[in-house]
Structures are given as structure tokens and as C-alpha cells.
């Protein structure tokens, strides 16, 4: 992980609580998919050079890349992430995962119950098995990056 400063993973910056609330207002899953696509479009773009094999998330059918930064200036490292995908809905899933984990300490990331958040949004019952596996792989990658900061 690099030590350069990162901006928020999505623009304009939105919290996971706001995402959950916005999903709760949308009754139809077609509308929720539209919101997912909108979230994906708000990702801070990666440079083409960052879309490399080292940053690629294994286990995703779509191409997904995640880069991380650790700010070690405080008592505990704070990790920030950016990411991208070549698929619209998956980009939205990237945005949700990055919003959930970015800007938190490694310990907070490792303690986060992402399944509870995803269940609150309703992702589990509305994602294809391939997208669910990809989301799981992405979360595992983010948590592995956090784990390296606690060693």
C-alpha cells in the first residue's frame, strides 16, 4: 500500500448510512439497480496505470481493481481505498464497499460486519451468485489489506 494521500472513494462524498437510507426509500429493485449504477459513476477514477494485475481483485467475473493507502501519522493506521470496475452494477458494489471501509482504521475494518450492512441494503437476495462472489472477494481483499496493517 502506498502512503500518498487519497481523496474520498466517491464524489461527492456520501456515508454508508446515507446509502442505506437511500436504498430504503427505493421500493423497486430496478430503481435500486439504477442507484447502484449512479454510485458506481461517482467513484473517483483510477489512473489507467492503476488498473493492473497487482490491483485486480481475484474472484470477480467482471474486472475490479482496488488500490489502498495507509496513513500512519496517527495512533493507528487509517486506510483509504479507491477502486473501479468495467461493469456498471459492479462499480456500484465497489462504491458501497469502499464507502463502508475507506477512512477507517485497520482494526475497525477487520471488526466491520459487512454482511449486516449488505443485508440491510438487501444485496444478498438481489445479487446474482457471480456478483455476490465478486463482492465477497472484494471485501476479503480490503480486509486482507487491513490485516497487513495490524501485523
N, C-alpha and C. Protein backbone atom coordinates (compact mmCIF):
# COMPACT_ATOMS: atom_id res chain seq x y z
N UNK A 1 0.84 -1.18 0.00
CA UNK A 1 0.00 0.00 0.00
C UNK A 1 0.88 1.24 0.00
N UNK A 2 0.49 2.20 -0.77
CA UNK A 2 1.27 3.43 -0.85
C UNK A 2 0.95 4.34 0.33
N UNK A 3 1.73 5.41 0.45
CA UNK A 3 1.49 6.35 1.53
C UNK A 3 1.05 7.71 1.02
N UNK A 4 0.73 7.82 -0.25
CA UNK A 4 0.25 9.08 -0.76
C UNK A 4 -1.18 9.32 -0.28
N UNK A 5 -1.57 10.57 -0.26
CA UNK A 5 -2.90 10.93 0.23
C UNK A 5 -3.97 10.57 -0.81
N UNK A 6 -5.09 10.06 -0.33
CA UNK A 6 -6.22 9.70 -1.19
C UNK A 6 -7.39 10.58 -0.86
N UNK A 7 -8.19 10.85 -1.85
CA UNK A 7 -9.47 11.53 -1.63
C UNK A 7 -10.50 10.49 -1.22
N UNK A 8 -11.68 10.94 -0.90
CA UNK A 8 -12.78 10.02 -0.61
C UNK A 8 -12.99 9.12 -1.83
N UNK A 9 -13.47 7.86 -1.61
CA UNK A 9 -13.60 6.93 -2.73
C UNK A 9 -14.67 7.32 -3.75
N UNK A 10 -15.67 8.08 -3.32
CA UNK A 10 -16.70 8.51 -4.26
C UNK A 10 -16.91 10.01 -4.12
N UNK A 11 -17.34 10.63 -5.20
CA UNK A 11 -17.62 12.06 -5.20
C UNK A 11 -19.07 12.28 -5.56
N UNK A 12 -19.82 13.16 -4.99
CA UNK A 12 -19.47 13.78 -3.73
C UNK A 12 -19.49 12.74 -2.62
N UNK A 13 -18.73 12.99 -1.60
CA UNK A 13 -18.59 12.02 -0.52
C UNK A 13 -19.95 11.75 0.14
N UNK A 14 -20.28 10.49 0.26
CA UNK A 14 -21.53 10.07 0.88
C UNK A 14 -21.19 9.00 1.91
N UNK A 15 -21.93 8.94 3.00
CA UNK A 15 -21.66 7.95 4.04
C UNK A 15 -22.43 6.66 3.76
N UNK A 16 -22.00 5.61 4.41
CA UNK A 16 -22.71 4.33 4.26
C UNK A 16 -24.13 4.45 4.82
N UNK A 17 -24.30 5.25 5.85
CA UNK A 17 -25.63 5.46 6.42
C UNK A 17 -26.56 6.12 5.40
N UNK A 18 -26.03 7.08 4.65
CA UNK A 18 -26.83 7.73 3.61
C UNK A 18 -27.19 6.76 2.49
N UNK A 19 -26.25 5.89 2.14
CA UNK A 19 -26.52 4.89 1.11
C UNK A 19 -27.63 3.95 1.58
N UNK A 20 -27.53 3.48 2.82
CA UNK A 20 -28.56 2.59 3.37
C UNK A 20 -29.92 3.29 3.36
N UNK A 21 -29.94 4.54 3.79
CA UNK A 21 -31.18 5.30 3.83
C UNK A 21 -31.76 5.48 2.42
N UNK A 22 -30.90 5.80 1.46
CA UNK A 22 -31.37 5.98 0.08
C UNK A 22 -31.95 4.69 -0.47
N UNK A 23 -31.31 3.55 -0.16
CA UNK A 23 -31.85 2.27 -0.61
C UNK A 23 -33.22 2.02 0.01
N UNK A 24 -33.40 2.43 1.27
CA UNK A 24 -34.67 2.17 1.95
C UNK A 24 -35.83 2.94 1.31
N UNK A 25 -35.53 4.07 0.67
CA UNK A 25 -36.57 4.87 0.01
C UNK A 25 -36.98 4.28 -1.33
N UNK A 26 -36.13 3.44 -1.91
CA UNK A 26 -36.40 2.88 -3.23
C UNK A 26 -37.07 1.53 -3.07
N UNK A 27 -38.32 1.44 -3.50
CA UNK A 27 -39.08 0.21 -3.29
C UNK A 27 -38.81 -0.85 -4.33
N UNK A 28 -38.58 -0.46 -5.57
CA UNK A 28 -38.38 -1.40 -6.67
C UNK A 28 -36.89 -1.66 -6.87
N UNK A 29 -36.56 -2.92 -7.16
CA UNK A 29 -35.15 -3.24 -7.36
C UNK A 29 -34.62 -2.64 -8.66
N UNK A 30 -35.44 -2.36 -9.62
CA UNK A 30 -34.96 -1.66 -10.81
C UNK A 30 -34.43 -0.28 -10.43
N UNK A 31 -35.13 0.39 -9.51
CA UNK A 31 -34.67 1.69 -9.02
C UNK A 31 -33.39 1.55 -8.21
N UNK A 32 -33.29 0.49 -7.42
CA UNK A 32 -32.09 0.25 -6.62
C UNK A 32 -30.89 -0.04 -7.52
N UNK A 33 -31.11 -0.81 -8.59
CA UNK A 33 -30.02 -1.04 -9.54
C UNK A 33 -29.59 0.27 -10.18
N UNK A 34 -30.55 1.12 -10.48
CA UNK A 34 -30.23 2.45 -11.02
C UNK A 34 -29.38 3.25 -10.06
N UNK A 35 -29.73 3.17 -8.77
CA UNK A 35 -28.94 3.87 -7.75
C UNK A 35 -27.54 3.27 -7.65
N UNK A 36 -27.44 1.94 -7.74
CA UNK A 36 -26.12 1.29 -7.74
C UNK A 36 -25.26 1.83 -8.89
N UNK A 37 -25.86 1.93 -10.06
CA UNK A 37 -25.13 2.44 -11.22
C UNK A 37 -24.69 3.88 -10.98
N UNK A 38 -25.58 4.67 -10.39
CA UNK A 38 -25.25 6.07 -10.06
C UNK A 38 -24.07 6.13 -9.09
N UNK A 39 -24.09 5.26 -8.07
CA UNK A 39 -22.97 5.22 -7.12
C UNK A 39 -21.67 4.86 -7.83
N UNK A 40 -21.74 3.90 -8.73
CA UNK A 40 -20.55 3.50 -9.48
C UNK A 40 -19.99 4.63 -10.32
N UNK A 41 -20.87 5.42 -10.89
CA UNK A 41 -20.42 6.56 -11.70
C UNK A 41 -19.75 7.64 -10.86
N UNK A 42 -20.01 7.63 -9.56
CA UNK A 42 -19.44 8.65 -8.68
C UNK A 42 -18.08 8.25 -8.10
N UNK A 43 -17.59 7.05 -8.47
CA UNK A 43 -16.27 6.64 -8.00
C UNK A 43 -15.19 7.59 -8.52
N UNK A 44 -14.22 7.89 -7.66
CA UNK A 44 -13.06 8.65 -8.10
C UNK A 44 -12.31 7.76 -9.08
N UNK A 45 -12.07 8.22 -10.30
CA UNK A 45 -11.46 7.34 -11.31
C UNK A 45 -10.04 6.91 -10.93
N UNK A 46 -9.72 5.69 -11.33
CA UNK A 46 -8.34 5.21 -11.20
C UNK A 46 -7.58 5.62 -12.45
N UNK A 47 -6.29 5.84 -12.30
CA UNK A 47 -5.44 6.03 -13.47
C UNK A 47 -5.35 4.70 -14.20
N UNK A 48 -5.17 4.75 -15.51
CA UNK A 48 -5.04 3.52 -16.28
C UNK A 48 -3.91 2.65 -15.75
N UNK A 49 -2.83 3.28 -15.29
CA UNK A 49 -1.68 2.52 -14.76
C UNK A 49 -2.05 1.74 -13.49
N UNK A 50 -3.07 2.22 -12.76
CA UNK A 50 -3.50 1.51 -11.54
C UNK A 50 -4.36 0.29 -11.86
N UNK A 51 -4.86 0.21 -13.07
CA UNK A 51 -5.67 -0.93 -13.49
C UNK A 51 -4.73 -2.03 -13.98
N UNK A 52 -4.00 -2.58 -13.03
CA UNK A 52 -3.00 -3.60 -13.35
C UNK A 52 -3.30 -4.89 -12.59
N UNK A 53 -2.53 -5.90 -12.87
CA UNK A 53 -2.76 -7.22 -12.28
C UNK A 53 -2.59 -7.20 -10.77
N UNK A 54 -1.65 -6.41 -10.28
CA UNK A 54 -1.41 -6.32 -8.83
C UNK A 54 -2.64 -5.78 -8.08
N UNK A 55 -3.36 -4.86 -8.70
CA UNK A 55 -4.52 -4.24 -8.06
C UNK A 55 -5.83 -4.93 -8.39
N UNK A 56 -5.79 -5.91 -9.29
CA UNK A 56 -7.02 -6.60 -9.70
C UNK A 56 -7.49 -7.53 -8.59
N UNK A 57 -8.79 -7.52 -8.34
CA UNK A 57 -9.40 -8.40 -7.34
C UNK A 57 -9.68 -9.74 -8.01
N UNK A 58 -9.07 -10.77 -7.48
CA UNK A 58 -9.30 -12.12 -8.00
C UNK A 58 -10.66 -12.62 -7.51
N UNK A 59 -11.33 -13.41 -8.31
CA UNK A 59 -12.62 -13.98 -7.91
C UNK A 59 -13.82 -13.21 -8.41
N UNK A 60 -13.58 -12.15 -9.15
CA UNK A 60 -14.67 -11.38 -9.74
C UNK A 60 -14.78 -11.73 -11.22
N UNK A 61 -16.01 -11.94 -11.68
CA UNK A 61 -16.21 -12.19 -13.11
C UNK A 61 -15.90 -10.93 -13.90
N UNK A 62 -16.37 -9.80 -13.41
CA UNK A 62 -16.03 -8.51 -14.02
C UNK A 62 -14.62 -8.12 -13.57
N UNK A 63 -14.04 -7.20 -14.30
CA UNK A 63 -12.74 -6.67 -13.88
C UNK A 63 -12.97 -5.69 -12.75
N UNK A 64 -12.27 -5.89 -11.63
CA UNK A 64 -12.35 -4.98 -10.48
C UNK A 64 -10.93 -4.73 -10.01
N UNK A 65 -10.62 -3.46 -9.77
CA UNK A 65 -9.32 -3.08 -9.26
C UNK A 65 -9.52 -2.25 -8.00
N UNK A 66 -8.66 -2.49 -7.01
CA UNK A 66 -8.71 -1.75 -5.76
C UNK A 66 -7.28 -1.34 -5.39
N UNK A 67 -7.12 -0.08 -5.04
CA UNK A 67 -5.83 0.41 -4.53
C UNK A 67 -6.07 0.99 -3.15
N UNK A 68 -5.08 0.84 -2.29
CA UNK A 68 -5.22 1.31 -0.93
C UNK A 68 -4.07 2.18 -0.50
N UNK A 69 -4.33 2.96 0.51
CA UNK A 69 -3.35 3.86 1.10
C UNK A 69 -3.49 3.78 2.60
N UNK A 70 -2.37 3.74 3.30
CA UNK A 70 -2.39 3.74 4.76
C UNK A 70 -1.75 5.03 5.27
N UNK A 71 -2.51 5.79 6.04
CA UNK A 71 -1.98 6.99 6.69
C UNK A 71 -1.54 6.56 8.08
N UNK A 72 -0.23 6.54 8.30
CA UNK A 72 0.33 6.07 9.57
C UNK A 72 0.73 7.22 10.49
N UNK A 73 0.18 8.41 10.26
CA UNK A 73 0.58 9.58 11.05
C UNK A 73 -0.06 9.61 12.44
N UNK A 74 -1.14 8.86 12.65
CA UNK A 74 -1.81 8.86 13.94
C UNK A 74 -1.45 7.65 14.78
N UNK A 75 -2.24 7.40 15.82
CA UNK A 75 -2.00 6.27 16.71
C UNK A 75 -2.18 4.94 16.00
N UNK A 76 -3.16 4.88 15.10
CA UNK A 76 -3.44 3.65 14.35
C UNK A 76 -3.53 4.02 12.87
N UNK A 77 -3.03 3.15 11.99
CA UNK A 77 -3.13 3.48 10.56
C UNK A 77 -4.58 3.60 10.11
N UNK A 78 -4.84 4.61 9.30
CA UNK A 78 -6.15 4.80 8.70
C UNK A 78 -6.02 4.47 7.22
N UNK A 79 -6.87 3.57 6.75
CA UNK A 79 -6.80 3.12 5.37
C UNK A 79 -7.84 3.81 4.53
N UNK A 80 -7.44 4.20 3.35
CA UNK A 80 -8.37 4.73 2.37
C UNK A 80 -8.20 3.91 1.09
N UNK A 81 -9.29 3.75 0.39
CA UNK A 81 -9.30 2.92 -0.80
C UNK A 81 -9.94 3.66 -1.96
N UNK A 82 -9.51 3.29 -3.16
CA UNK A 82 -10.17 3.69 -4.38
C UNK A 82 -10.31 2.45 -5.23
N UNK A 83 -11.28 2.45 -6.13
CA UNK A 83 -11.47 1.26 -6.95
C UNK A 83 -12.26 1.56 -8.19
N UNK A 84 -12.32 0.56 -9.05
CA UNK A 84 -13.04 0.69 -10.31
C UNK A 84 -13.43 -0.69 -10.80
N UNK A 85 -14.40 -0.70 -11.71
CA UNK A 85 -14.81 -1.93 -12.38
C UNK A 85 -15.16 -1.59 -13.81
N UNK A 86 -15.14 -2.62 -14.65
CA UNK A 86 -15.54 -2.43 -16.04
C UNK A 86 -17.03 -2.67 -16.25
N UNK A 87 -17.77 -2.94 -15.16
CA UNK A 87 -19.22 -3.20 -15.24
C UNK A 87 -19.97 -2.20 -14.37
N UNK A 88 -21.10 -1.70 -14.88
CA UNK A 88 -21.84 -0.64 -14.19
C UNK A 88 -22.34 -1.03 -12.80
N UNK A 89 -23.05 -2.13 -12.69
CA UNK A 89 -23.60 -2.53 -11.39
C UNK A 89 -22.47 -2.89 -10.43
N UNK A 90 -21.46 -3.57 -10.93
CA UNK A 90 -20.32 -3.93 -10.08
C UNK A 90 -19.60 -2.68 -9.60
N UNK A 91 -19.53 -1.65 -10.42
CA UNK A 91 -18.94 -0.38 -9.98
C UNK A 91 -19.70 0.17 -8.78
N UNK A 92 -21.03 0.01 -8.78
CA UNK A 92 -21.83 0.43 -7.63
C UNK A 92 -21.51 -0.38 -6.40
N UNK A 93 -21.28 -1.68 -6.58
CA UNK A 93 -20.89 -2.52 -5.44
C UNK A 93 -19.52 -2.12 -4.92
N UNK A 94 -18.62 -1.76 -5.82
CA UNK A 94 -17.31 -1.25 -5.42
C UNK A 94 -17.51 0.01 -4.58
N UNK A 95 -18.37 0.91 -5.03
CA UNK A 95 -18.61 2.16 -4.31
C UNK A 95 -19.15 1.89 -2.91
N UNK A 96 -20.06 0.94 -2.78
CA UNK A 96 -20.60 0.61 -1.46
C UNK A 96 -19.51 0.05 -0.56
N UNK A 97 -18.73 -0.89 -1.05
CA UNK A 97 -17.67 -1.50 -0.24
C UNK A 97 -16.63 -0.46 0.18
N UNK A 98 -16.23 0.40 -0.76
CA UNK A 98 -15.24 1.41 -0.42
C UNK A 98 -15.77 2.43 0.57
N UNK A 99 -17.03 2.78 0.42
CA UNK A 99 -17.64 3.72 1.37
C UNK A 99 -17.71 3.10 2.76
N UNK A 100 -17.99 1.81 2.82
CA UNK A 100 -18.08 1.11 4.10
C UNK A 100 -16.73 1.05 4.81
N UNK A 101 -15.67 0.82 4.07
CA UNK A 101 -14.36 0.56 4.68
C UNK A 101 -13.38 1.71 4.64
N UNK A 102 -13.45 2.58 3.66
CA UNK A 102 -12.44 3.62 3.49
C UNK A 102 -12.53 4.68 4.60
N UNK A 103 -11.35 5.15 5.02
CA UNK A 103 -11.29 6.19 6.06
C UNK A 103 -11.38 5.64 7.47
N UNK A 104 -11.18 4.34 7.62
CA UNK A 104 -11.28 3.70 8.93
C UNK A 104 -9.94 3.07 9.29
N UNK A 105 -9.76 2.79 10.56
CA UNK A 105 -8.54 2.12 10.99
C UNK A 105 -8.59 0.66 10.56
N UNK A 106 -7.43 0.05 10.51
CA UNK A 106 -7.36 -1.36 10.15
C UNK A 106 -8.21 -2.20 11.09
N UNK A 107 -8.14 -1.89 12.37
CA UNK A 107 -8.93 -2.63 13.36
C UNK A 107 -10.43 -2.47 13.11
N UNK A 108 -10.88 -1.26 12.82
CA UNK A 108 -12.30 -1.04 12.53
C UNK A 108 -12.73 -1.82 11.30
N UNK A 109 -11.88 -1.84 10.29
CA UNK A 109 -12.20 -2.57 9.07
C UNK A 109 -12.37 -4.05 9.37
N UNK A 110 -11.45 -4.60 10.14
CA UNK A 110 -11.50 -6.02 10.45
C UNK A 110 -12.70 -6.39 11.32
N UNK A 111 -13.17 -5.45 12.13
CA UNK A 111 -14.31 -5.70 13.01
C UNK A 111 -15.66 -5.42 12.35
N UNK A 112 -15.65 -4.82 11.17
CA UNK A 112 -16.90 -4.46 10.49
C UNK A 112 -17.65 -5.70 10.05
N UNK A 113 -18.95 -5.72 10.35
CA UNK A 113 -19.82 -6.80 9.90
C UNK A 113 -20.49 -6.36 8.60
N UNK A 114 -19.77 -6.53 7.52
CA UNK A 114 -20.28 -6.08 6.22
C UNK A 114 -21.53 -6.83 5.82
N UNK A 115 -21.67 -8.08 6.25
CA UNK A 115 -22.86 -8.86 5.90
C UNK A 115 -24.12 -8.22 6.45
N UNK A 116 -24.03 -7.65 7.65
CA UNK A 116 -25.19 -6.98 8.24
C UNK A 116 -25.57 -5.74 7.42
N UNK A 117 -24.56 -5.00 6.97
CA UNK A 117 -24.81 -3.81 6.15
C UNK A 117 -25.42 -4.23 4.81
N UNK A 118 -24.83 -5.24 4.17
CA UNK A 118 -25.35 -5.69 2.88
C UNK A 118 -26.77 -6.24 3.02
N UNK A 119 -27.05 -6.90 4.14
CA UNK A 119 -28.41 -7.41 4.38
C UNK A 119 -29.39 -6.25 4.57
N UNK A 120 -28.95 -5.20 5.26
CA UNK A 120 -29.82 -4.04 5.48
C UNK A 120 -30.17 -3.38 4.14
N UNK A 121 -29.22 -3.37 3.22
CA UNK A 121 -29.46 -2.82 1.89
C UNK A 121 -30.32 -3.79 1.07
N UNK A 122 -30.20 -5.09 1.35
CA UNK A 122 -30.94 -6.10 0.61
C UNK A 122 -30.14 -6.70 -0.52
N UNK A 123 -28.82 -6.54 -0.47
CA UNK A 123 -27.99 -7.02 -1.57
C UNK A 123 -28.01 -8.54 -1.70
N UNK A 124 -27.99 -9.24 -0.57
CA UNK A 124 -27.90 -10.70 -0.60
C UNK A 124 -28.95 -11.37 -1.45
N UNK A 125 -30.17 -10.89 -1.36
CA UNK A 125 -31.27 -11.54 -2.08
C UNK A 125 -31.45 -11.04 -3.51
N UNK A 126 -30.70 -10.01 -3.90
CA UNK A 126 -30.92 -9.42 -5.23
C UNK A 126 -29.68 -9.44 -6.12
N UNK A 127 -28.60 -10.05 -5.66
CA UNK A 127 -27.41 -10.15 -6.50
C UNK A 127 -27.32 -11.54 -7.10
N UNK A 128 -26.83 -11.60 -8.32
CA UNK A 128 -26.57 -12.91 -8.91
C UNK A 128 -25.46 -13.58 -8.11
N UNK A 129 -25.37 -14.89 -8.14
CA UNK A 129 -24.29 -15.57 -7.42
C UNK A 129 -22.90 -15.07 -7.82
N UNK A 130 -22.71 -14.75 -9.10
CA UNK A 130 -21.42 -14.25 -9.55
C UNK A 130 -21.10 -12.89 -8.92
N UNK A 131 -22.09 -12.00 -8.88
CA UNK A 131 -21.86 -10.68 -8.28
C UNK A 131 -21.65 -10.81 -6.77
N UNK A 132 -22.40 -11.69 -6.13
CA UNK A 132 -22.22 -11.92 -4.68
C UNK A 132 -20.83 -12.46 -4.39
N UNK A 133 -20.33 -13.39 -5.21
CA UNK A 133 -18.98 -13.91 -5.04
C UNK A 133 -17.95 -12.82 -5.26
N UNK A 134 -18.16 -11.98 -6.26
CA UNK A 134 -17.24 -10.89 -6.52
C UNK A 134 -17.20 -9.89 -5.38
N UNK A 135 -18.37 -9.57 -4.82
CA UNK A 135 -18.43 -8.67 -3.68
C UNK A 135 -17.69 -9.27 -2.49
N UNK A 136 -17.89 -10.56 -2.27
CA UNK A 136 -17.19 -11.26 -1.18
C UNK A 136 -15.67 -11.20 -1.40
N UNK A 137 -15.23 -11.42 -2.63
CA UNK A 137 -13.80 -11.36 -2.95
C UNK A 137 -13.24 -9.96 -2.72
N UNK A 138 -14.02 -8.95 -3.07
CA UNK A 138 -13.59 -7.57 -2.86
C UNK A 138 -13.44 -7.27 -1.37
N UNK A 139 -14.41 -7.69 -0.57
CA UNK A 139 -14.35 -7.46 0.87
C UNK A 139 -13.14 -8.21 1.46
N UNK A 140 -12.93 -9.44 1.02
CA UNK A 140 -11.77 -10.20 1.51
C UNK A 140 -10.47 -9.47 1.18
N UNK A 141 -10.40 -8.89 -0.01
CA UNK A 141 -9.20 -8.14 -0.40
C UNK A 141 -9.00 -6.92 0.49
N UNK A 142 -10.06 -6.17 0.75
CA UNK A 142 -9.96 -4.98 1.60
C UNK A 142 -9.56 -5.37 3.03
N UNK A 143 -10.14 -6.43 3.53
CA UNK A 143 -9.81 -6.88 4.89
C UNK A 143 -8.38 -7.43 4.95
N UNK A 144 -7.92 -8.08 3.88
CA UNK A 144 -6.53 -8.55 3.84
C UNK A 144 -5.57 -7.37 3.85
N UNK A 145 -5.91 -6.30 3.15
CA UNK A 145 -5.08 -5.10 3.15
C UNK A 145 -5.04 -4.50 4.55
N UNK A 146 -6.17 -4.52 5.24
CA UNK A 146 -6.22 -4.03 6.62
C UNK A 146 -5.40 -4.93 7.54
N UNK A 147 -5.49 -6.22 7.32
CA UNK A 147 -4.75 -7.18 8.15
C UNK A 147 -3.25 -6.92 8.10
N UNK A 148 -2.74 -6.56 6.93
CA UNK A 148 -1.29 -6.31 6.81
C UNK A 148 -0.88 -5.11 7.66
N UNK A 149 -1.81 -4.21 7.95
CA UNK A 149 -1.50 -3.04 8.77
C UNK A 149 -1.52 -3.34 10.27
N UNK A 150 -2.06 -4.49 10.65
CA UNK A 150 -2.10 -4.82 12.08
C UNK A 150 -0.95 -5.75 12.48
N UNK A 151 -0.24 -6.24 11.50
CA UNK A 151 0.86 -7.18 11.78
C UNK A 151 2.08 -6.48 12.33
